[in-house]
C-alpha atoms as a PDB file:
ATOM      1  CA  MET A   1       6.236  14.231  20.270  1.00  0.00           C
ATOM      2  CA  ILE A   2       5.151  13.373  16.805  1.00  0.00           C
ATOM      3  CA  GLU A   3       6.137  16.829  15.488  1.00  0.00           C
ATOM      4  CA  ARG A   4       9.786  15.728  14.938  1.00  0.00           C
ATOM      5  CA  TYR A   5       8.640  12.846  12.758  1.00  0.00           C
ATOM      6  CA  VAL A   6       6.331  14.777  10.356  1.00  0.00           C
ATOM      7  CA  THR A   7       6.973  17.703   8.084  1.00  0.00           C
ATOM      8  CA  SER A   8       6.688  21.077   9.776  1.00  0.00           C
ATOM      9  CA  LEU A   9       3.666  23.232   9.183  1.00  0.00           C
ATOM     10  CA  GLU A  10       5.700  25.572   6.935  1.00  0.00           C
ATOM     11  CA  LEU A  11       7.033  22.726   4.777  1.00  0.00           C
ATOM     12  CA  SER A  12       3.614  21.027   4.692  1.00  0.00           C
ATOM     13  CA  LYS A  13       2.018  24.133   3.335  1.00  0.00           C
ATOM     14  CA  ALA A  14       4.812  24.596   0.775  1.00  0.00           C
ATOM     15  CA  LEU A  15       4.358  20.939  -0.414  1.00  0.00           C
ATOM     16  CA  LYS A  16       0.587  21.488  -0.714  1.00  0.00           C
ATOM     17  CA  ASP A  17       1.144  24.626  -2.681  1.00  0.00           C
ATOM     18  CA  ALA A  18       3.549  22.721  -4.909  1.00  0.00           C
ATOM     19  CA  GLY A  19       0.857  20.234  -5.855  1.00  0.00           C
ATOM     20  CA  VAL A  20       1.899  17.256  -3.678  1.00  0.00           C
ATOM     21  CA  PRO A  21      -1.095  14.958  -3.133  1.00  0.00           C
ATOM     22  CA  GLN A  22      -2.580  15.531   0.313  1.00  0.00           C
ATOM     23  CA  LYS A  23      -2.744  11.890   1.509  1.00  0.00           C
ATOM     24  CA  SER A  24      -0.943  11.105   4.776  1.00  0.00           C
ATOM     25  CA  GLU A  25      -1.272   9.518   8.108  1.00  0.00           C
ATOM     26  CA  PHE A  26      -1.260  12.914   9.849  1.00  0.00           C
ATOM     27  CA  TYR A  27      -2.547  16.418   8.957  1.00  0.00           C
ATOM     28  CA  TRP A  28      -1.868  19.924  10.127  1.00  0.00           C
ATOM     29  CA  VAL A  29      -5.230  21.450  10.769  1.00  0.00           C
ATOM     30  CA  GLN A  30      -6.154  24.949  11.853  1.00  0.00           C
ATOM     31  CA  ASP A  31      -8.616  25.415  14.743  1.00  0.00           C
ATOM     32  CA  LYS A  32     -11.255  27.896  13.696  1.00  0.00           C
ATOM     33  CA  THR A  33     -11.810  29.144  17.154  1.00  0.00           C
ATOM     34  CA  ASN A  34      -8.284  30.286  17.929  1.00  0.00           C
ATOM     35  CA  GLY A  35      -6.331  30.058  14.557  1.00  0.00           C
ATOM     36  CA  GLU A  36      -3.760  27.704  15.992  1.00  0.00           C
ATOM     37  CA  SER A  37      -2.541  24.694  13.982  1.00  0.00           C
ATOM     38  CA  TYR A  38      -2.507  21.206  15.461  1.00  0.00           C
ATOM     39  CA  LEU A  39      -1.683  17.708  14.252  1.00  0.00           C
ATOM     40  CA  SER A  40      -4.558  15.371  13.729  1.00  0.00           C
ATOM     41  CA  THR A  41      -5.244  12.015  12.110  1.00  0.00           C
ATOM     42  CA  LYS A  42      -8.384  13.530  10.426  1.00  0.00           C
ATOM     43  CA  LYS A  43      -8.071  15.686   7.321  1.00  0.00           C
ATOM     44  CA  LYS A  44     -11.226  17.755   7.924  1.00  0.00           C
ATOM     45  CA  ASP A  45     -13.786  17.890  10.661  1.00  0.00           C
ATOM     46  CA  GLY A  46     -16.358  20.443  11.885  1.00  0.00           C
ATOM     47  CA  MET A  47     -13.844  22.285  14.045  1.00  0.00           C
ATOM     48  CA  TRP A  48     -11.036  22.502  11.448  1.00  0.00           C
ATOM     49  CA  GLU A  49     -10.216  24.298   8.270  1.00  0.00           C
ATOM     50  CA  ASP A  50      -7.103  24.768   6.062  1.00  0.00           C
ATOM     51  CA  SER A  51      -5.732  21.251   6.500  1.00  0.00           C
ATOM     52  CA  CYS A  52      -2.567  20.042   4.886  1.00  0.00           C
ATOM     53  CA  SER A  53      -0.663  16.761   5.052  1.00  0.00           C
ATOM     54  CA  ALA A  54       1.952  16.377   7.733  1.00  0.00           C
ATOM     55  CA  PHE A  55       4.099  13.804   5.936  1.00  0.00           C
ATOM     56  CA  LEU A  56       6.142  11.020   7.564  1.00  0.00           C
ATOM     57  CA  SER A  57       9.584  10.071   6.114  1.00  0.00           C
ATOM     58  CA  ASP A  58       8.178   6.875   4.541  1.00  0.00           C
ATOM     59  CA  GLU A  59       5.485   8.811   2.801  1.00  0.00           C
ATOM     60  CA  LEU A  60       8.081  11.238   1.373  1.00  0.00           C
ATOM     61  CA  GLY A  61      10.364   8.387   0.481  1.00  0.00           C
ATOM     62  CA  ALA A  62       7.602   6.835  -1.630  1.00  0.00           C
ATOM     63  CA  MET A  63       7.379  10.110  -3.629  1.00  0.00           C
ATOM     64  CA  LEU A  64      11.066  10.849  -4.073  1.00  0.00           C
ATOM     65  CA  PRO A  65      12.585   9.100  -7.123  1.00  0.00           C
ATOM     66  CA  LYS A  66      15.267   6.498  -6.114  1.00  0.00           C
ATOM     67  CA  VAL A  67      17.430   7.501  -9.089  1.00  0.00           C
ATOM     68  CA  ILE A  68      17.521  10.336 -11.592  1.00  0.00           C
ATOM     69  CA  THR A  69      19.173  10.022 -14.948  1.00  0.00           C
ATOM     70  CA  ALA A  70      21.160  12.893 -16.477  1.00  0.00           C
ATOM     71  CA  SER A  71      18.560  13.139 -19.283  1.00  0.00           C
ATOM     72  CA  ASP A  72      15.863  13.690 -16.650  1.00  0.00           C
ATOM     73  CA  ILE A  73      17.593  16.740 -15.264  1.00  0.00           C
ATOM     74  CA  GLY A  74      19.818  17.964 -18.105  1.00  0.00           C
ATOM     75  CA  GLU A  75      22.814  18.101 -15.767  1.00  0.00           C
ATOM     76  CA  LEU A  76      25.742  15.873 -14.991  1.00  0.00           C
ATOM     77  CA  PRO A  77      25.682  14.083 -18.340  1.00  0.00           C
ATOM     78  CA  GLU A  78      29.159  12.516 -17.696  1.00  0.00           C
ATOM     79  CA  TYR A  79      27.791  10.740 -14.726  1.00  0.00           C
ATOM     80  CA  GLY A  80      24.656   9.240 -16.183  1.00  0.00           C
ATOM     81  CA  VAL A  81      22.728   8.346 -13.094  1.00  0.00           C
ATOM     82  CA  VAL A  82      22.520   9.859  -9.607  1.00  0.00           C
ATOM     83  CA  ALA A  83      20.911   8.024  -6.693  1.00  0.00           C
ATOM     84  CA  LEU A  84      19.035   9.263  -3.656  1.00  0.00           C
ATOM     85  CA  GLN A  85      21.124   9.491  -0.445  1.00  0.00           C
ATOM     86  CA  ILE A  86      19.923  10.462   2.953  1.00  0.00           C
ATOM     87  CA  GLY A  87      22.305  10.786   5.978  1.00  0.00           C
ATOM     88  CA  TYR A  88      23.252  12.586   9.157  1.00  0.00           C
ATOM     89  CA  GLN A  89      26.344  14.691   9.614  1.00  0.00           C
ATOM     90  CA  GLU A  90      27.367  17.261  12.157  1.00  0.00           C
ATOM     91  CA  LYS A  91      23.955  17.484  13.827  1.00  0.00           C
ATOM     92  CA  GLU A  92      22.023  17.942  10.567  1.00  0.00           C
ATOM     93  CA  TRP A  93      20.233  15.600   8.232  1.00  0.00           C
ATOM     94  CA  TYR A  94      20.925  15.848   4.495  1.00  0.00           C
ATOM     95  CA  CYS A  95      19.220  14.596   1.364  1.00  0.00           C
ATOM     96  CA  LEU A  96      20.863  14.544  -2.057  1.00  0.00           C
ATOM     97  CA  TYR A  97      21.213  12.807  -5.303  1.00  0.00           C
ATOM     98  CA  SER A  98      24.761  11.776  -6.199  1.00  0.00           C
ATOM     99  CA  ASN A  99      26.885   9.443  -8.193  1.00  0.00           C
ATOM    100  CA  GLY A 100      28.757   8.207  -5.143  1.00  0.00           C
ATOM    101  CA  VAL A 101      31.842   9.437  -3.484  1.00  0.00           C
ATOM    102  CA  GLY A 102      35.437  10.258  -4.280  1.00  0.00           C
ATOM    103  CA  VAL A 103      37.307  12.380  -6.801  1.00  0.00           C
ATOM    104  CA  GLU A 104      34.527  12.107  -9.416  1.00  0.00           C
ATOM    105  CA  PHE A 105      31.732  12.949  -6.918  1.00  0.00           C
ATOM    106  CA  ALA A 106      28.876  14.915  -8.435  1.00  0.00           C
ATOM    107  CA  ALA A 107      25.563  15.862  -6.666  1.00  0.00           C
ATOM    108  CA  VAL A 108      22.261  17.388  -7.516  1.00  0.00           C
ATOM    109  CA  SER A 109      21.450  19.924  -4.765  1.00  0.00           C
ATOM    110  CA  VAL A 110      22.036  18.997  -1.138  1.00  0.00           C
ATOM    111  CA  GLN A 111      19.194  19.818   1.193  1.00  0.00           C
ATOM    112  CA  PHE A 112      19.812  20.114   4.927  1.00  0.00           C
ATOM    113  CA  ASP A 113      17.453  20.211   7.990  1.00  0.00           C
ATOM    114  CA  LYS A 114      17.482  19.486  11.604  1.00  0.00           C
ATOM    115  CA  THR A 115      15.106  16.491  10.953  1.00  0.00           C
ATOM    116  CA  MET A 116      15.357  13.778   8.323  1.00  0.00           C
ATOM    117  CA  VAL A 117      11.791  14.342   7.198  1.00  0.00           C
ATOM    118  CA  GLY A 118      12.564  18.097   6.731  1.00  0.00           C
ATOM    119  CA  ALA A 119      15.546  17.399   4.553  1.00  0.00           C
ATOM    120  CA  MET A 120      13.481  14.947   2.430  1.00  0.00           C
ATOM    121  CA  ALA A 121      10.641  17.525   2.092  1.00  0.00           C
ATOM    122  CA  LYS A 122      13.124  20.208   1.004  1.00  0.00           C
ATOM    123  CA  MET A 123      14.504  17.869  -1.686  1.00  0.00           C
ATOM    124  CA  LEU A 124      11.034  17.077  -2.915  1.00  0.00           C
ATOM    125  CA  LEU A 125      10.323  20.821  -3.157  1.00  0.00           C
ATOM    126  CA  TYR A 126      13.595  21.378  -4.954  1.00  0.00           C
ATOM    127  CA  LEU A 127      12.755  18.630  -7.510  1.00  0.00           C
ATOM    128  CA  ILE A 128       9.238  20.101  -8.102  1.00  0.00           C
ATOM    129  CA  THR A 129      10.433  23.733  -8.251  1.00  0.00           C
ATOM    130  CA  ASN A 130      13.067  22.825 -10.846  1.00  0.00           C
ATOM    131  CA  ASP A 131      10.591  20.806 -12.875  1.00  0.00           C
ATOM    132  CA  TYR A 132      12.373  17.476 -12.359  1.00  0.00           C
ATOM    133  CA  ILE A 133       9.183  15.860 -11.106  1.00  0.00           C
ATOM    134  CA  SER A 134       5.509  16.952 -10.845  1.00  0.00           C
ATOM    135  CA  PHE A 135       2.223  15.852  -9.453  1.00  0.00           C
ATOM    136  CA  GLU A 136      -1.273  16.333 -10.834  1.00  0.00           C
ATOM    137  CA  LYS A 137      -3.261  18.889  -8.814  1.00  0.00           C
ATOM    138  CA  GLU A 138      -5.988  17.086  -6.914  1.00  0.00           C
ATOM    139  CA  LYS A 139      -9.472  18.426  -6.544  1.00  0.00           C
ATOM    140  CA  GLU A 140     -10.605  19.481  -3.086  1.00  0.00           C
ATOM    141  CA  GLU A 141     -13.059  17.098  -1.488  1.00  0.00           C
END
């Protein structure tokens, strides 16, 4: 099932509301006849309304900064730069920005989810919500 490889409907709606550009391989679309949401490769069509992007991990990876400097976030000045890390531990995926490992370890928010794409989406939302990154709102077509 493709559902485990794309952002959930809930996270997809939150990303859309946060201003993330709605360009992806898949979309969550709502069937006008019964109100249920489905995955589709089409953004809009005669039967659908209220579509939002269902992002794949590579699409989110292209939007997440690979590194963040301390001046970008106003935190962790002694560590200078933190880099994106994604991993799996104890049956959960995580996404974080850190300076590495060890005694001097420092991280900017760790986001967890049962899927890798979910952890990445949560990190993107964290960065947007805290004004570390932003996207221009796009006009509806």
